[in-house]
Amino acid sequence: MSGAETLRSLAPEAASGFAHPAAARRAAARPALKRALDLLGAAALLLCAAPVFLFLALLVRRDGGPAFYGQERVGLHGRRFRCFKFRSMVTDSQDRLEALLASDPAARAEWEATRKLKQDPRVTRVGAFLRKSSLDELPQLLNVLRGEMSLVGPRPVPAAELAANYGAAAEHYMSVKPGITGPWQISGRNDTSYDQRVALDVQYAIRPSLWRDIGILLRTPAVVLLRRGAY
């Protein structure tokens, strides 16, 4: 089911009925509880991972480029923010991408369908390891502490990608904070189509649940270790 179809099928549910008072109280408390989970979780993970964080930063810098990479992404209510990652690509990555897409029709078709390349010539040797292990996303814990992201939510996307792929579903994407992990991460990641990704984001936004967030967090380590859909 495409993201647009999911949006149509879930719209009546999202707009129907009045909430029970107890459910309304839980809904009112959910943002504060989710933020508390984000702060405690991100702070604890950063503290535990500090030696690894420093080692990876030094490893990435060995080719003379910067350790970190920040690209503008769309967040809650459409606010733009710089999403941090360990740099996993060569410093002239955009030039290499444009040259590849101009010369390789198969690569261009893959890029247009998924915005990813299984065989990406821009990725460094260290970057390939970081991506497959998802360690390139470790700096996004800083985005969580800054309140720009959550531990769990839709993966953050650039404005152009949001406009090109989400359509009316963008409203739901922007109703929650993007996350380090989320339903797409535990559902195949790059092995899924973009329509499936949008559908997962819509379902997550319409049916918020702290218990679901905790379930996603508990399932994420196994997905990362198995490297399912990671490239």
Foldseek 3Di string as FASTA:
>chain_A
DFLVVLCVVCVCVLPDDDDDPVVVVCVVCVVVVQLVCLQVVLVVVCVVCVVVVVVQQVVLCPVVDGQKDWDWFAWAPRDIDTQIFGDFFDPPQVVVVVVCLVPPVVQVVLCVWQVDDPDRPGGDPSSLVCQLLVVRRSVNSVVSNVVQAGQEAQATDHPVCCVVGQVVLSVLNNNHGHHSYYPCLLPQNQVDTSRVSSSRRSVCSSDPDPVVVVVRVVRNVVSSVVSGNTD
